[in-house]
């Protein structure tokens, strides 16, 4: 089962902190909500968007849908 790990570091690349593992995900996108301090992760194969807080806790699926490509 593939796993994608997400880490936080300072700008120098030091002080690495593990934010979370997204099991069986093929991460295709990341975005940060800096106001709410949440990380959003998309998986184009599972058609899901999951999020977690900056500490790697409170993880849940935000959206899940069968999406068809507009390009054939």
PDB file of N, CA and C in Angstrom:
ATOM      1  N   UNK A   1       0.846  -1.167   0.000  1.00  0.00           N
ATOM      2  CA  UNK A   1       0.000   0.000   0.000  1.00  0.00           C
ATOM      3  C   UNK A   1       0.897   1.238   0.000  1.00  0.00           C
ATOM      4  N   UNK A   2       0.789   2.101  -1.029  1.00  0.00           N
ATOM      5  CA  UNK A   2       1.635   3.295  -1.074  1.00  0.00           C
ATOM      6  C   UNK A   2       1.253   4.292   0.013  1.00  0.00           C
ATOM      7  N   UNK A   3       2.250   5.036   0.466  1.00  0.00           N
ATOM      8  CA  UNK A   3       2.030   6.049   1.482  1.00  0.00           C
ATOM      9  C   UNK A   3       2.736   7.325   1.063  1.00  0.00           C
ATOM     10  N   UNK A   4       2.056   8.443   1.213  1.00  0.00           N
ATOM     11  CA  UNK A   4       2.665   9.743   0.977  1.00  0.00           C
ATOM     12  C   UNK A   4       2.819  10.430   2.324  1.00  0.00           C
ATOM     13  N   UNK A   5       4.045  10.845   2.636  1.00  0.00           N
ATOM     14  CA  UNK A   5       4.317  11.526   3.893  1.00  0.00           C
ATOM     15  C   UNK A   5       4.504  13.015   3.638  1.00  0.00           C
ATOM     16  N   UNK A   6       4.025  13.825   4.565  1.00  0.00           N
ATOM     17  CA  UNK A   6       4.137  15.279   4.458  1.00  0.00           C
ATOM     18  C   UNK A   6       4.900  15.777   5.680  1.00  0.00           C
ATOM     19  N   UNK A   7       5.886  16.652   5.423  1.00  0.00           N
ATOM     20  CA  UNK A   7       6.733  17.186   6.482  1.00  0.00           C
ATOM     21  C   UNK A   7       6.705  18.705   6.469  1.00  0.00           C
ATOM     22  N   UNK A   8       6.987  19.299   7.617  1.00  0.00           N
ATOM     23  CA  UNK A   8       7.133  20.743   7.766  1.00  0.00           C
ATOM     24  C   UNK A   8       8.585  21.004   8.153  1.00  0.00           C
ATOM     25  N   UNK A   9       9.218  22.020   7.560  1.00  0.00           N
ATOM     26  CA  UNK A   9      10.569  22.414   7.948  1.00  0.00           C
ATOM     27  C   UNK A   9      10.633  23.930   8.042  1.00  0.00           C
ATOM     28  N   UNK A  10      11.736  24.436   8.604  1.00  0.00           N
ATOM     29  CA  UNK A  10      11.947  25.877   8.554  1.00  0.00           C
ATOM     30  C   UNK A  10      12.469  26.222   7.154  1.00  0.00           C
ATOM     31  N   UNK A  11      12.685  27.496   6.879  1.00  0.00           N
ATOM     32  CA  UNK A  11      13.088  27.913   5.534  1.00  0.00           C
ATOM     33  C   UNK A  11      14.468  27.395   5.130  1.00  0.00           C
ATOM     34  N   UNK A  12      15.288  27.026   6.096  1.00  0.00           N
ATOM     35  CA  UNK A  12      16.611  26.469   5.796  1.00  0.00           C
ATOM     36  C   UNK A  12      16.553  24.965   5.573  1.00  0.00           C
ATOM     37  N   UNK A  13      15.372  24.360   5.719  1.00  0.00           N
ATOM     38  CA  UNK A  13      15.226  22.918   5.536  1.00  0.00           C
ATOM     39  C   UNK A  13      15.556  22.108   6.770  1.00  0.00           C
ATOM     40  N   UNK A  14      15.705  22.783   7.895  1.00  0.00           N
ATOM     41  CA  UNK A  14      16.007  22.092   9.157  1.00  0.00           C
ATOM     42  C   UNK A  14      14.750  22.006  10.014  1.00  0.00           C
ATOM     43  N   UNK A  15      14.893  21.370  11.151  1.00  0.00           N
ATOM     44  CA  UNK A  15      13.790  21.219  12.117  1.00  0.00           C
ATOM     45  C   UNK A  15      12.581  20.546  11.481  1.00  0.00           C
ATOM     46  N   UNK A  16      12.846  19.443  10.794  1.00  0.00           N
ATOM     47  CA  UNK A  16      11.784  18.710  10.089  1.00  0.00           C
ATOM     48  C   UNK A  16      10.807  18.100  11.087  1.00  0.00           C
ATOM     49  N   UNK A  17       9.518  18.276  10.803  1.00  0.00           N
ATOM     50  CA  UNK A  17       8.450  17.720  11.639  1.00  0.00           C
ATOM     51  C   UNK A  17       7.463  16.974  10.741  1.00  0.00           C
ATOM     52  N   UNK A  18       7.152  15.744  11.100  1.00  0.00           N
ATOM     53  CA  UNK A  18       6.217  14.922  10.335  1.00  0.00           C
ATOM     54  C   UNK A  18       4.790  15.384  10.602  1.00  0.00           C
ATOM     55  N   UNK A  19       4.076  15.800   9.549  1.00  0.00           N
ATOM     56  CA  UNK A  19       2.690  16.251   9.699  1.00  0.00           C
ATOM     57  C   UNK A  19       1.684  15.126   9.523  1.00  0.00           C
ATOM     58  N   UNK A  20       2.039  14.134   8.751  1.00  0.00           N
ATOM     59  CA  UNK A  20       1.087  13.047   8.585  1.00  0.00           C
ATOM     60  C   UNK A  20       1.416  12.147   7.420  1.00  0.00           C
ATOM     61  N   UNK A  21       0.826  10.978   7.470  1.00  0.00           N
ATOM     62  CA  UNK A  21       0.924  10.011   6.386  1.00  0.00           C
ATOM     63  C   UNK A  21      -0.450   9.890   5.746  1.00  0.00           C
ATOM     64  N   UNK A  22      -0.457   9.904   4.452  1.00  0.00           N
ATOM     65  CA  UNK A  22      -1.704   9.734   3.710  1.00  0.00           C
ATOM     66  C   UNK A  22      -1.591   8.395   3.010  1.00  0.00           C
ATOM     67  N   UNK A  23      -2.158   7.366   3.636  1.00  0.00           N
ATOM     68  CA  UNK A  23      -2.027   6.001   3.156  1.00  0.00           C
ATOM     69  C   UNK A  23      -2.850   5.775   1.896  1.00  0.00           C
ATOM     70  N   UNK A  24      -2.296   4.964   1.050  1.00  0.00           N
ATOM     71  CA  UNK A  24      -2.884   4.584  -0.234  1.00  0.00           C
ATOM     72  C   UNK A  24      -3.287   5.807  -1.050  1.00  0.00           C
ATOM     73  N   UNK A  25      -2.503   6.859  -0.927  1.00  0.00           N
ATOM     74  CA  UNK A  25      -2.768   8.066  -1.711  1.00  0.00           C
ATOM     75  C   UNK A  25      -1.637   8.307  -2.692  1.00  0.00           C
ATOM     76  N   UNK A  26      -2.007   8.793  -3.844  1.00  0.00           N
ATOM     77  CA  UNK A  26      -1.062   9.291  -4.823  1.00  0.00           C
ATOM     78  C   UNK A  26      -1.279  10.799  -4.840  1.00  0.00           C
ATOM     79  N   UNK A  27      -0.546  11.503  -4.002  1.00  0.00           N
ATOM     80  CA  UNK A  27      -0.769  12.939  -3.818  1.00  0.00           C
ATOM     81  C   UNK A  27      -0.500  13.672  -5.125  1.00  0.00           C
ATOM     82  N   UNK A  28      -1.504  14.417  -5.579  1.00  0.00           N
ATOM     83  CA  UNK A  28      -1.368  15.175  -6.820  1.00  0.00           C
ATOM     84  C   UNK A  28      -1.415  16.671  -6.574  1.00  0.00           C
ATOM     85  N   UNK A  29      -1.708  17.091  -5.342  1.00  0.00           N
ATOM     86  CA  UNK A  29      -1.728  18.514  -5.044  1.00  0.00           C
ATOM     87  C   UNK A  29      -1.764  18.778  -3.552  1.00  0.00           C
ATOM     88  N   UNK A  30      -1.173  19.895  -3.165  1.00  0.00           N
ATOM     89  CA  UNK A  30      -1.160  20.340  -1.765  1.00  0.00           C
ATOM     90  C   UNK A  30      -1.526  21.817  -1.727  1.00  0.00           C
ATOM     91  N   UNK A  31      -2.231  22.217  -0.708  1.00  0.00           N
ATOM     92  CA  UNK A  31      -2.448  23.645  -0.477  1.00  0.00           C
ATOM     93  C   UNK A  31      -2.578  23.877   1.017  1.00  0.00           C
ATOM     94  N   UNK A  32      -2.250  25.076   1.443  1.00  0.00           N
ATOM     95  CA  UNK A  32      -2.314  25.447   2.855  1.00  0.00           C
ATOM     96  C   UNK A  32      -3.376  26.511   3.065  1.00  0.00           C
ATOM     97  N   UNK A  33      -4.130  26.362   4.119  1.00  0.00           N
ATOM     98  CA  UNK A  33      -5.026  27.411   4.601  1.00  0.00           C
ATOM     99  C   UNK A  33      -4.310  28.019   5.799  1.00  0.00           C
ATOM    100  N   UNK A  34      -3.630  29.122   5.588  1.00  0.00           N
ATOM    101  CA  UNK A  34      -2.784  29.702   6.626  1.00  0.00           C
ATOM    102  C   UNK A  34      -3.597  30.360   7.736  1.00  0.00           C
ATOM    103  N   UNK A  35      -4.832  30.737   7.467  1.00  0.00           N
ATOM    104  CA  UNK A  35      -5.687  31.330   8.495  1.00  0.00           C
ATOM    105  C   UNK A  35      -6.183  30.247   9.452  1.00  0.00           C
ATOM    106  N   UNK A  36      -6.698  29.150   8.893  1.00  0.00           N
ATOM    107  CA  UNK A  36      -7.227  28.052   9.725  1.00  0.00           C
ATOM    108  C   UNK A  36      -6.154  27.044  10.115  1.00  0.00           C
ATOM    109  N   UNK A  37      -4.940  27.207   9.552  1.00  0.00           N
ATOM    110  CA  UNK A  37      -3.805  26.324   9.835  1.00  0.00           C
ATOM    111  C   UNK A  37      -4.129  24.877   9.473  1.00  0.00           C
ATOM    112  N   UNK A  38      -4.575  24.676   8.202  1.00  0.00           N
ATOM    113  CA  UNK A  38      -4.922  23.351   7.701  1.00  0.00           C
ATOM    114  C   UNK A  38      -4.170  23.081   6.410  1.00  0.00           C
ATOM    115  N   UNK A  39      -3.852  21.803   6.197  1.00  0.00           N
ATOM    116  CA  UNK A  39      -3.202  21.325   4.988  1.00  0.00           C
ATOM    117  C   UNK A  39      -4.213  20.495   4.211  1.00  0.00           C
ATOM    118  N   UNK A  40      -4.384  20.795   2.924  1.00  0.00           N
ATOM    119  CA  UNK A  40      -5.300  20.044   2.066  1.00  0.00           C
ATOM    120  C   UNK A  40      -4.484  19.265   1.047  1.00  0.00           C
ATOM    121  N   UNK A  41      -4.843  17.984   0.857  1.00  0.00           N
ATOM    122  CA  UNK A  41      -4.118  17.077  -0.028  1.00  0.00           C
ATOM    123  C   UNK A  41      -5.112  16.449  -0.993  1.00  0.00           C
ATOM    124  N   UNK A  42      -4.808  16.509  -2.285  1.00  0.00           N
ATOM    125  CA  UNK A  42      -5.702  15.894  -3.272  1.00  0.00           C
ATOM    126  C   UNK A  42      -5.061  14.640  -3.862  1.00  0.00           C
ATOM    127  N   UNK A  43      -5.915  13.702  -4.218  1.00  0.00           N
ATOM    128  CA  UNK A  43      -5.486  12.440  -4.837  1.00  0.00           C
ATOM    129  C   UNK A  43      -6.321  12.248  -6.094  1.00  0.00           C
ATOM    130  N   UNK A  44      -5.664  12.367  -7.256  1.00  0.00           N
ATOM    131  CA  UNK A  44      -6.410  12.284  -8.521  1.00  0.00           C
ATOM    132  C   UNK A  44      -6.877  10.871  -8.835  1.00  0.00           C
ATOM    133  N   UNK A  45      -6.266   9.853  -8.231  1.00  0.00           N
ATOM    134  CA  UNK A  45      -6.678   8.480  -8.503  1.00  0.00           C
ATOM    135  C   UNK A  45      -7.858   8.050  -7.641  1.00  0.00           C
ATOM    136  N   UNK A  46      -7.884   8.492  -6.385  1.00  0.00           N
ATOM    137  CA  UNK A  46      -9.014   8.173  -5.503  1.00  0.00           C
ATOM    138  C   UNK A  46     -10.123   9.209  -5.607  1.00  0.00           C
ATOM    139  N   UNK A  47      -9.831  10.328  -6.280  1.00  0.00           N
ATOM    140  CA  UNK A  47     -10.787  11.429  -6.428  1.00  0.00           C
ATOM    141  C   UNK A  47     -11.223  11.960  -5.062  1.00  0.00           C
ATOM    142  N   UNK A  48     -10.240  12.220  -4.202  1.00  0.00           N
ATOM    143  CA  UNK A  48     -10.537  12.725  -2.871  1.00  0.00           C
ATOM    144  C   UNK A  48      -9.693  13.951  -2.554  1.00  0.00           C
ATOM    145  N   UNK A  49     -10.180  14.730  -1.606  1.00  0.00           N
ATOM    146  CA  UNK A  49      -9.421  15.799  -0.979  1.00  0.00           C
ATOM    147  C   UNK A  49      -9.506  15.551   0.512  1.00  0.00           C
ATOM    148  N   UNK A  50      -8.338  15.430   1.146  1.00  0.00           N
ATOM    149  CA  UNK A  50      -8.285  15.226   2.597  1.00  0.00           C
ATOM    150  C   UNK A  50      -7.590  16.415   3.221  1.00  0.00           C
ATOM    151  N   UNK A  51      -7.857  16.650   4.497  1.00  0.00           N
ATOM    152  CA  UNK A  51      -7.167  17.735   5.182  1.00  0.00           C
ATOM    153  C   UNK A  51      -6.771  17.304   6.588  1.00  0.00           C
ATOM    154  N   UNK A  52      -5.794  18.021   7.113  1.00  0.00           N
ATOM    155  CA  UNK A  52      -5.298  17.796   8.458  1.00  0.00           C
ATOM    156  C   UNK A  52      -4.838  19.137   9.007  1.00  0.00           C
ATOM    157  N   UNK A  53      -4.703  19.245  10.323  1.00  0.00           N
ATOM    158  CA  UNK A  53      -4.164  20.483  10.866  1.00  0.00           C
ATOM    159  C   UNK A  53      -2.643  20.464  10.755  1.00  0.00           C
ATOM    160  N   UNK A  54      -1.988  21.544  11.101  1.00  0.00           N
ATOM    161  CA  UNK A  54      -0.539  21.652  10.954  1.00  0.00           C
ATOM    162  C   UNK A  54       0.216  20.681  11.854  1.00  0.00           C
ATOM    163  N   UNK A  55      -0.435  20.142  12.859  1.00  0.00           N
ATOM    164  CA  UNK A  55       0.207  19.180  13.749  1.00  0.00           C
ATOM    165  C   UNK A  55       0.037  17.744  13.261  1.00  0.00           C
ATOM    166  N   UNK A  56      -0.677  17.558  12.152  1.00  0.00           N
ATOM    167  CA  UNK A  56      -0.899  16.225  11.594  1.00  0.00           C
ATOM    168  C   UNK A  56      -2.042  15.470  12.247  1.00  0.00           C
ATOM    169  N   UNK A  57      -2.868  16.171  12.990  1.00  0.00           N
ATOM    170  CA  UNK A  57      -4.009  15.542  13.666  1.00  0.00           C
ATOM    171  C   UNK A  57      -5.313  16.067  13.057  1.00  0.00           C
ATOM    172  N   UNK A  58      -6.426  15.498  13.485  1.00  0.00           N
ATOM    173  CA  UNK A  58      -7.747  15.927  12.994  1.00  0.00           C
ATOM    174  C   UNK A  58      -7.831  15.797  11.472  1.00  0.00           C
ATOM    175  N   UNK A  59      -7.463  14.610  10.967  1.00  0.00           N
ATOM    176  CA  UNK A  59      -7.479  14.338   9.532  1.00  0.00           C
ATOM    177  C   UNK A  59      -8.845  13.801   9.120  1.00  0.00           C
ATOM    178  N   UNK A  60      -9.372  14.329   8.018  1.00  0.00           N
ATOM    179  CA  UNK A  60     -10.641  13.824   7.500  1.00  0.00           C
ATOM    180  C   UNK A  60     -10.750  14.102   6.002  1.00  0.00           C
ATOM    181  N   UNK A  61     -11.686  13.417   5.341  1.00  0.00           N
ATOM    182  CA  UNK A  61     -11.932  13.603   3.912  1.00  0.00           C
ATOM    183  C   UNK A  61     -12.903  14.755   3.726  1.00  0.00           C
ATOM    184  N   UNK A  62     -12.499  15.731   2.933  1.00  0.00           N
ATOM    185  CA  UNK A  62     -13.315  16.916   2.665  1.00  0.00           C
ATOM    186  C   UNK A  62     -14.282  16.641   1.521  1.00  0.00           C
ATOM    187  N   UNK A  63     -13.766  16.000   0.468  1.00  0.00           N
ATOM    188  CA  UNK A  63     -14.598  15.745  -0.712  1.00  0.00           C
ATOM    189  C   UNK A  63     -14.181  14.423  -1.343  1.00  0.00           C
ATOM    190  N   UNK A  64     -15.167  13.739  -1.888  1.00  0.00           N
ATOM    191  CA  UNK A  64     -14.917  12.493  -2.588  1.00  0.00           C
ATOM    192  C   UNK A  64     -15.953  12.382  -3.697  1.00  0.00           C
ATOM    193  N   UNK A  65     -15.473  12.255  -4.930  1.00  0.00           N
ATOM    194  CA  UNK A  65     -16.420  12.195  -6.039  1.00  0.00           C
ATOM    195  C   UNK A  65     -15.773  11.521  -7.228  1.00  0.00           C
ATOM    196  N   UNK A  66     -16.574  10.950  -8.047  1.00  0.00           N
ATOM    197  CA  UNK A  66     -16.116  10.409  -9.315  1.00  0.00           C
ATOM    198  C   UNK A  66     -16.075  11.570 -10.298  1.00  0.00           C
ATOM    199  N   UNK A  67     -14.877  11.949 -10.690  1.00  0.00           N
ATOM    200  CA  UNK A  67     -14.694  13.077 -11.579  1.00  0.00           C
ATOM    201  C   UNK A  67     -14.185  12.549 -12.902  1.00  0.00           C
ATOM    202  N   UNK A  68     -14.819  12.971 -13.968  1.00  0.00           N
ATOM    203  CA  UNK A  68     -14.391  12.550 -15.302  1.00  0.00           C
ATOM    204  C   UNK A  68     -13.608  13.687 -15.930  1.00  0.00           C
ATOM    205  N   UNK A  69     -12.560  13.313 -16.629  1.00  0.00           N
ATOM    206  CA  UNK A  69     -11.724  14.303 -17.275  1.00  0.00           C
ATOM    207  C   UNK A  69     -12.474  14.972 -18.421  1.00  0.00           C
ATOM    208  N   UNK A  70     -12.266  16.254 -18.559  1.00  0.00           N
ATOM    209  CA  UNK A  70     -12.881  16.990 -19.669  1.00  0.00           C
ATOM    210  C   UNK A  70     -12.120  16.741 -20.966  1.00  0.00           C
ATOM    211  N   UNK A  71     -10.925  16.208 -20.843  1.00  0.00           N
ATOM    212  CA  UNK A  71     -10.093  15.913 -22.010  1.00  0.00           C
ATOM    213  C   UNK A  71     -10.173  14.422 -22.304  1.00  0.00           C
ATOM    214  N   UNK A  72     -10.534  14.070 -23.528  1.00  0.00           N
ATOM    215  CA  UNK A  72     -10.653  12.667 -23.899  1.00  0.00           C
ATOM    216  C   UNK A  72      -9.456  12.211 -24.680  1.00  0.00           C
TER     217      UNK A  72
END
